[in-house]
PDB file of N, CA and C in Angstrom:
ATOM      1  N   UNK A   1      26.182 -64.983  43.655  1.00  0.00           N
ATOM      2  CA  UNK A   1      25.912 -64.965  42.245  1.00  0.00           C
ATOM      3  C   UNK A   1      26.114 -66.363  41.650  1.00  0.00           C
ATOM      4  N   UNK A   2      27.136 -67.034  42.135  1.00  0.00           N
ATOM      5  CA  UNK A   2      27.396 -68.386  41.644  1.00  0.00           C
ATOM      6  C   UNK A   2      26.266 -69.317  42.069  1.00  0.00           C
ATOM      7  N   UNK A   3      25.821 -69.187  43.300  1.00  0.00           N
ATOM      8  CA  UNK A   3      24.749 -70.045  43.809  1.00  0.00           C
ATOM      9  C   UNK A   3      23.454 -69.791  43.039  1.00  0.00           C
ATOM     10  N   UNK A   4      23.126 -68.534  42.785  1.00  0.00           N
ATOM     11  CA  UNK A   4      21.935 -68.202  42.022  1.00  0.00           C
ATOM     12  C   UNK A   4      22.029 -68.777  40.611  1.00  0.00           C
ATOM     13  N   UNK A   5      23.194 -68.696  40.008  1.00  0.00           N
ATOM     14  CA  UNK A   5      23.389 -69.268  38.682  1.00  0.00           C
ATOM     15  C   UNK A   5      23.180 -70.764  38.668  1.00  0.00           C
ATOM     16  N   UNK A   6      23.694 -71.451  39.676  1.00  0.00           N
ATOM     17  CA  UNK A   6      23.518 -72.907  39.754  1.00  0.00           C
ATOM     18  C   UNK A   6      22.049 -73.259  39.964  1.00  0.00           C
ATOM     19  N   UNK A   7      21.354 -72.498  40.796  1.00  0.00           N
ATOM     20  CA  UNK A   7      19.931 -72.746  41.021  1.00  0.00           C
ATOM     21  C   UNK A   7      19.150 -72.569  39.721  1.00  0.00           C
ATOM     22  N   UNK A   8      19.453 -71.508  38.972  1.00  0.00           N
ATOM     23  CA  UNK A   8      18.772 -71.298  37.698  1.00  0.00           C
ATOM     24  C   UNK A   8      19.104 -72.388  36.690  1.00  0.00           C
ATOM     25  N   UNK A   9      20.347 -72.869  36.709  1.00  0.00           N
ATOM     26  CA  UNK A   9      20.718 -73.979  35.830  1.00  0.00           C
ATOM     27  C   UNK A   9      19.885 -75.219  36.133  1.00  0.00           C
ATOM     28  N   UNK A  10      19.738 -75.533  37.398  1.00  0.00           N
ATOM     29  CA  UNK A  10      18.984 -76.720  37.797  1.00  0.00           C
ATOM     30  C   UNK A  10      17.506 -76.570  37.438  1.00  0.00           C
ATOM     31  N   UNK A  11      16.919 -75.414  37.752  1.00  0.00           N
ATOM     32  CA  UNK A  11      15.507 -75.190  37.447  1.00  0.00           C
ATOM     33  C   UNK A  11      15.278 -75.207  35.940  1.00  0.00           C
ATOM     34  N   UNK A  12      16.154 -74.541  35.199  1.00  0.00           N
ATOM     35  CA  UNK A  12      16.019 -74.529  33.745  1.00  0.00           C
ATOM     36  C   UNK A  12      16.149 -75.906  33.139  1.00  0.00           C
ATOM     37  N   UNK A  13      17.031 -76.731  33.690  1.00  0.00           N
ATOM     38  CA  UNK A  13      17.215 -78.089  33.185  1.00  0.00           C
ATOM     39  C   UNK A  13      16.000 -78.965  33.500  1.00  0.00           C
ATOM     40  N   UNK A  14      15.503 -78.868  34.737  1.00  0.00           N
ATOM     41  CA  UNK A  14      14.383 -79.709  35.147  1.00  0.00           C
ATOM     42  C   UNK A  14      13.076 -79.335  34.449  1.00  0.00           C
ATOM     43  N   UNK A  15      12.856 -78.043  34.251  1.00  0.00           N
ATOM     44  CA  UNK A  15      11.610 -77.596  33.639  1.00  0.00           C
ATOM     45  C   UNK A  15      11.711 -77.446  32.124  1.00  0.00           C
ATOM     46  N   UNK A  16      12.906 -77.546  31.595  1.00  0.00           N
ATOM     47  CA  UNK A  16      13.084 -77.423  30.146  1.00  0.00           C
ATOM     48  C   UNK A  16      12.965 -76.001  29.630  1.00  0.00           C
ATOM     49  N   UNK A  17      13.264 -75.031  30.481  1.00  0.00           N
ATOM     50  CA  UNK A  17      13.174 -73.621  30.088  1.00  0.00           C
ATOM     51  C   UNK A  17      14.583 -73.156  29.720  1.00  0.00           C
ATOM     52  N   UNK A  18      14.801 -72.925  28.444  1.00  0.00           N
ATOM     53  CA  UNK A  18      16.157 -72.635  27.967  1.00  0.00           C
ATOM     54  C   UNK A  18      16.665 -71.270  28.405  1.00  0.00           C
ATOM     55  N   UNK A  19      15.772 -70.300  28.598  1.00  0.00           N
ATOM     56  CA  UNK A  19      16.232 -68.962  29.003  1.00  0.00           C
ATOM     57  C   UNK A  19      16.814 -69.000  30.420  1.00  0.00           C
ATOM     58  N   UNK A  20      16.236 -69.810  31.292  1.00  0.00           N
ATOM     59  CA  UNK A  20      16.796 -69.947  32.644  1.00  0.00           C
ATOM     60  C   UNK A  20      18.148 -70.628  32.597  1.00  0.00           C
ATOM     61  N   UNK A  21      18.288 -71.604  31.717  1.00  0.00           N
ATOM     62  CA  UNK A  21      19.557 -72.301  31.525  1.00  0.00           C
ATOM     63  C   UNK A  21      20.631 -71.305  31.079  1.00  0.00           C
ATOM     64  N   UNK A  22      20.290 -70.456  30.101  1.00  0.00           N
ATOM     65  CA  UNK A  22      21.237 -69.471  29.572  1.00  0.00           C
ATOM     66  C   UNK A  22      21.617 -68.437  30.626  1.00  0.00           C
ATOM     67  N   UNK A  23      20.638 -67.914  31.332  1.00  0.00           N
ATOM     68  CA  UNK A  23      20.915 -66.929  32.382  1.00  0.00           C
ATOM     69  C   UNK A  23      21.753 -67.556  33.489  1.00  0.00           C
ATOM     70  N   UNK A  24      21.477 -68.807  33.827  1.00  0.00           N
ATOM     71  CA  UNK A  24      22.256 -69.511  34.842  1.00  0.00           C
ATOM     72  C   UNK A  24      23.710 -69.650  34.453  1.00  0.00           C
ATOM     73  N   UNK A  25      23.977 -70.009  33.199  1.00  0.00           N
ATOM     74  CA  UNK A  25      25.356 -70.126  32.722  1.00  0.00           C
ATOM     75  C   UNK A  25      26.064 -68.781  32.797  1.00  0.00           C
ATOM     76  N   UNK A  26      25.375 -67.724  32.365  1.00  0.00           N
ATOM     77  CA  UNK A  26      25.975 -66.385  32.396  1.00  0.00           C
ATOM     78  C   UNK A  26      26.310 -65.976  33.825  1.00  0.00           C
ATOM     79  N   UNK A  27      25.390 -66.206  34.768  1.00  0.00           N
ATOM     80  CA  UNK A  27      25.638 -65.827  36.163  1.00  0.00           C
ATOM     81  C   UNK A  27      26.779 -66.622  36.774  1.00  0.00           C
ATOM     82  N   UNK A  28      26.868 -67.903  36.455  1.00  0.00           N
ATOM     83  CA  UNK A  28      27.966 -68.715  36.986  1.00  0.00           C
ATOM     84  C   UNK A  28      29.294 -68.216  36.455  1.00  0.00           C
ATOM     85  N   UNK A  29      29.373 -67.909  35.164  1.00  0.00           N
ATOM     86  CA  UNK A  29      30.629 -67.428  34.575  1.00  0.00           C
ATOM     87  C   UNK A  29      31.025 -66.080  35.168  1.00  0.00           C
ATOM     88  N   UNK A  30      30.074 -65.155  35.270  1.00  0.00           N
ATOM     89  CA  UNK A  30      30.381 -63.842  35.851  1.00  0.00           C
ATOM     90  C   UNK A  30      30.797 -63.992  37.312  1.00  0.00           C
ATOM     91  N   UNK A  31      30.108 -64.836  38.059  1.00  0.00           N
ATOM     92  CA  UNK A  31      30.457 -65.061  39.459  1.00  0.00           C
ATOM     93  C   UNK A  31      31.849 -65.633  39.615  1.00  0.00           C
ATOM     94  N   UNK A  32      32.203 -66.587  38.752  1.00  0.00           N
ATOM     95  CA  UNK A  32      33.551 -67.163  38.828  1.00  0.00           C
ATOM     96  C   UNK A  32      34.626 -66.139  38.482  1.00  0.00           C
ATOM     97  N   UNK A  33      34.361 -65.315  37.468  1.00  0.00           N
ATOM     98  CA  UNK A  33      35.340 -64.282  37.100  1.00  0.00           C
ATOM     99  C   UNK A  33      35.530 -63.288  38.241  1.00  0.00           C
ATOM    100  N   UNK A  34      34.429 -62.844  38.838  1.00  0.00           N
ATOM    101  CA  UNK A  34      34.539 -61.902  39.955  1.00  0.00           C
ATOM    102  C   UNK A  34      35.228 -62.537  41.154  1.00  0.00           C
ATOM    103  N   UNK A  35      34.961 -63.803  41.397  1.00  0.00           N
ATOM    104  CA  UNK A  35      35.593 -64.516  42.517  1.00  0.00           C
ATOM    105  C   UNK A  35      37.097 -64.622  42.300  1.00  0.00           C
ATOM    106  N   UNK A  36      37.511 -64.955  41.084  1.00  0.00           N
ATOM    107  CA  UNK A  36      38.942 -65.077  40.791  1.00  0.00           C
ATOM    108  C   UNK A  36      39.622 -63.717  40.902  1.00  0.00           C
ATOM    109  N   UNK A  37      39.004 -62.675  40.353  1.00  0.00           N
ATOM    110  CA  UNK A  37      39.601 -61.338  40.449  1.00  0.00           C
ATOM    111  C   UNK A  37      39.711 -60.884  41.904  1.00  0.00           C
ATOM    112  N   UNK A  38      38.691 -61.165  42.698  1.00  0.00           N
ATOM    113  CA  UNK A  38      38.743 -60.811  44.118  1.00  0.00           C
ATOM    114  C   UNK A  38      39.799 -61.602  44.863  1.00  0.00           C
ATOM    115  N   UNK A  39      39.954 -62.865  44.497  1.00  0.00           N
ATOM    116  CA  UNK A  39      40.959 -63.699  45.157  1.00  0.00           C
ATOM    117  C   UNK A  39      42.372 -63.264  44.804  1.00  0.00           C
ATOM    118  N   UNK A  40      42.534 -62.696  43.618  1.00  0.00           N
ATOM    119  CA  UNK A  40      43.853 -62.225  43.203  1.00  0.00           C
ATOM    120  C   UNK A  40      44.199 -60.861  43.798  1.00  0.00           C
ATOM    121  N   UNK A  41      43.235 -60.230  44.463  1.00  0.00           N
ATOM    122  CA  UNK A  41      43.508 -58.970  45.132  1.00  0.00           C
ATOM    123  C   UNK A  41      43.142 -57.741  44.321  1.00  0.00           C
ATOM    124  N   UNK A  42      42.477 -57.924  43.189  1.00  0.00           N
ATOM    125  CA  UNK A  42      42.066 -56.775  42.388  1.00  0.00           C
ATOM    126  C   UNK A  42      40.797 -56.175  42.981  1.00  0.00           C
ATOM    127  N   UNK A  43      40.759 -54.846  43.046  1.00  0.00           N
ATOM    128  CA  UNK A  43      39.563 -54.171  43.525  1.00  0.00           C
ATOM    129  C   UNK A  43      38.529 -54.162  42.405  1.00  0.00           C
ATOM    130  N   UNK A  44      37.302 -54.518  42.727  1.00  0.00           N
ATOM    131  CA  UNK A  44      36.232 -54.572  41.735  1.00  0.00           C
ATOM    132  C   UNK A  44      35.182 -53.546  42.128  1.00  0.00           C
ATOM    133  N   UNK A  45      34.980 -52.552  41.284  1.00  0.00           N
ATOM    134  CA  UNK A  45      34.003 -51.512  41.584  1.00  0.00           C
ATOM    135  C   UNK A  45      34.361 -50.706  42.815  1.00  0.00           C
ATOM    136  N   UNK A  46      35.647 -50.558  43.083  1.00  0.00           N
ATOM    137  CA  UNK A  46      36.091 -49.791  44.226  1.00  0.00           C
ATOM    138  C   UNK A  46      36.068 -50.569  45.532  1.00  0.00           C
ATOM    139  N   UNK A  47      35.739 -51.847  45.462  1.00  0.00           N
ATOM    140  CA  UNK A  47      35.664 -52.676  46.663  1.00  0.00           C
ATOM    141  C   UNK A  47      36.678 -53.819  46.568  1.00  0.00           C
ATOM    142  N   UNK A  48      37.150 -54.243  47.680  1.00  0.00           N
ATOM    143  CA  UNK A  48      38.101 -55.337  47.727  1.00  0.00           C
ATOM    144  C   UNK A  48      37.436 -56.668  47.380  1.00  0.00           C
ATOM    145  N   UNK A  49      36.171 -56.825  47.805  1.00  0.00           N
ATOM    146  CA  UNK A  49      35.385 -58.018  47.495  1.00  0.00           C
ATOM    147  C   UNK A  49      34.109 -57.569  46.824  1.00  0.00           C
ATOM    148  N   UNK A  50      33.587 -58.366  45.908  1.00  0.00           N
ATOM    149  CA  UNK A  50      32.397 -57.935  45.173  1.00  0.00           C
ATOM    150  C   UNK A  50      31.092 -58.201  45.930  1.00  0.00           C
ATOM    151  N   UNK A  51      31.129 -58.962  47.028  1.00  0.00           N
ATOM    152  CA  UNK A  51      29.881 -59.260  47.734  1.00  0.00           C
ATOM    153  C   UNK A  51      29.621 -58.282  48.835  1.00  0.00           C
TER     154      UNK A  51
END
C-alpha cells in the first residue's frame, strides 16, 4: 500500500494530476498507520499482519 501510494504520488506530480497526488498521500498515510499498528503487535482485521 505504501509503495502504491508513492507510485501515485510520483505519477501525479509528474503529470500534474492532483487527484492522483491526493490518493497517493492518503494511501501512504494509511499504509504507514497499518504498518505501525502491525509492528506494535495489534491485530488488524483479525490478522496479525495486514498484508
